C-alpha atoms as a PDB file:
ATOM      1  CA  MET A   1     115.972  48.644  76.109  1.00  0.00           C
ATOM      2  CA  THR A   2     119.611  48.831  75.319  1.00  0.00           C
ATOM      3  CA  ALA A   3     122.253  50.224  77.344  1.00  0.00           C
ATOM      4  CA  MET A   4     123.990  53.409  76.060  1.00  0.00           C
ATOM      5  CA  GLU A   5     127.796  53.211  76.912  1.00  0.00           C
ATOM      6  CA  GLN A   6     128.335  57.121  75.953  1.00  0.00           C
ATOM      7  CA  LEU A   7     126.483  60.095  74.542  1.00  0.00           C
ATOM      8  CA  PRO A   8     125.020  59.741  71.194  1.00  0.00           C
ATOM      9  CA  THR A   9     126.734  61.318  68.244  1.00  0.00           C
ATOM     10  CA  ASP A  10     123.791  62.931  67.053  1.00  0.00           C
ATOM     11  CA  LEU A  11     122.381  64.506  69.937  1.00  0.00           C
ATOM     12  CA  ASP A  12     121.205  67.548  67.577  1.00  0.00           C
ATOM     13  CA  THR A  13     118.783  64.839  66.046  1.00  0.00           C
ATOM     14  CA  HIS A  14     118.487  61.983  68.341  1.00  0.00           C
ATOM     15  CA  LEU A  15     115.777  62.401  71.155  1.00  0.00           C
ATOM     16  CA  CYS A  16     116.458  60.030  74.027  1.00  0.00           C
ATOM     17  CA  THR A  17     114.207  58.053  76.079  1.00  0.00           C
ATOM     18  CA  VAL A  18     114.223  58.376  79.982  1.00  0.00           C
ATOM     19  CA  GLY A  19     115.147  54.305  79.303  1.00  0.00           C
ATOM     20  CA  GLU A  20     118.142  55.355  77.127  1.00  0.00           C
ATOM     21  CA  TYR A  21     119.188  58.339  79.377  1.00  0.00           C
ATOM     22  CA  ALA A  22     118.703  56.110  82.739  1.00  0.00           C
ATOM     23  CA  ALA A  23     121.348  53.638  80.725  1.00  0.00           C
ATOM     24  CA  LEU A  24     124.132  56.051  80.790  1.00  0.00           C
ATOM     25  CA  GLY A  25     124.292  55.375  84.570  1.00  0.00           C
ATOM     26  CA  GLU A  26     127.045  57.633  86.412  1.00  0.00           C
ATOM     27  CA  THR A  27     128.494  60.232  84.185  1.00  0.00           C
ATOM     28  CA  ASP A  28     131.883  62.207  84.669  1.00  0.00           C
ATOM     29  CA  TYR A  29     129.592  65.145  83.684  1.00  0.00           C
ATOM     30  CA  TRP A  30     126.641  67.096  84.655  1.00  0.00           C
ATOM     31  CA  SER A  31     123.516  66.535  82.421  1.00  0.00           C
ATOM     32  CA  GLU A  32     119.845  66.419  82.399  1.00  0.00           C
ATOM     33  CA  LEU A  33     116.938  65.323  79.794  1.00  0.00           C
ATOM     34  CA  GLN A  34     114.920  67.669  78.639  1.00  0.00           C
ATOM     35  CA  GLU A  35     112.287  67.190  75.938  1.00  0.00           C
ATOM     36  CA  GLY A  36     114.215  64.086  74.678  1.00  0.00           C
ATOM     37  CA  LYS A  37     117.685  66.005  74.604  1.00  0.00           C
ATOM     38  CA  ILE A  38     120.341  65.642  76.689  1.00  0.00           C
ATOM     39  CA  VAL A  39     121.804  68.751  77.978  1.00  0.00           C
ATOM     40  CA  VAL A  40     125.257  68.841  79.429  1.00  0.00           C
ATOM     41  CA  SER A  41     126.512  71.843  81.708  1.00  0.00           C
ATOM     42  CA  PRO A  42     130.006  73.175  81.321  1.00  0.00           C
ATOM     43  CA  SER A  43     132.268  73.330  84.040  1.00  0.00           C
ATOM     44  CA  PRO A  44     132.464  76.849  85.733  1.00  0.00           C
ATOM     45  CA  THR A  45     135.066  78.942  84.782  1.00  0.00           C
ATOM     46  CA  SER A  46     137.722  80.166  87.009  1.00  0.00           C
ATOM     47  CA  GLU A  47     136.329  83.850  87.090  1.00  0.00           C
ATOM     48  CA  HIS A  48     133.424  82.067  88.631  1.00  0.00           C
ATOM     49  CA  SER A  49     135.017  80.220  90.877  1.00  0.00           C
ATOM     50  CA  MET A  50     136.678  83.163  92.063  1.00  0.00           C
ATOM     51  CA  ALA A  51     133.667  85.361  92.302  1.00  0.00           C
ATOM     52  CA  CYS A  52     131.987  82.542  94.498  1.00  0.00           C
ATOM     53  CA  SER A  53     135.021  82.684  96.709  1.00  0.00           C
ATOM     54  CA  GLU A  54     134.866  86.242  97.022  1.00  0.00           C
ATOM     55  CA  LEU A  55     131.129  86.439  97.784  1.00  0.00           C
ATOM     56  CA  GLY A  56     131.692  83.916 100.726  1.00  0.00           C
ATOM     57  CA  VAL A  57     134.402  86.059 102.063  1.00  0.00           C
ATOM     58  CA  GLN A  58     132.151  89.060 102.049  1.00  0.00           C
ATOM     59  CA  LEU A  59     129.109  87.226 103.340  1.00  0.00           C
ATOM     60  CA  ARG A  60     130.912  85.431 106.330  1.00  0.00           C
ATOM     61  CA  PRO A  61     131.382  88.323 108.485  1.00  0.00           C
ATOM     62  CA  GLN A  62     127.178  89.286 108.097  1.00  0.00           C
ATOM     63  CA  LEU A  63     126.401  85.562 109.490  1.00  0.00           C
ATOM     64  CA  ARG A  64     125.414  85.415 112.986  1.00  0.00           C
ATOM     65  CA  ARG A  65     127.904  83.812 115.275  1.00  0.00           C
ATOM     66  CA  THR A  66     125.079  81.587 116.698  1.00  0.00           C
ATOM     67  CA  TRP A  67     124.600  80.275 113.091  1.00  0.00           C
ATOM     68  CA  CYS A  68     127.971  79.667 111.713  1.00  0.00           C
ATOM     69  CA  PRO A  69     130.778  79.190 114.474  1.00  0.00           C
ATOM     70  CA  CYS A  70     133.295  79.928 111.886  1.00  0.00           C
ATOM     71  CA  SER A  71     132.530  83.723 111.997  1.00  0.00           C
ATOM     72  CA  THR A  72     134.561  86.121 113.419  1.00  0.00           C
END
């Protein structure tokens, strides 16, 4: 097994083995191996991050105080 230093450039045609994927080690991006293809997830958009924050703001008052001491 040879170590891969970066993602292969021919991701559309090259099917990776579990060993090749494992040889990538830790990466700066979130990825997974699906049926021999490396799938990389895009970063969330600012709109997505804002929606998550708003959801948290609206859910916080709904939590019981005993479960979340941060509730007011």
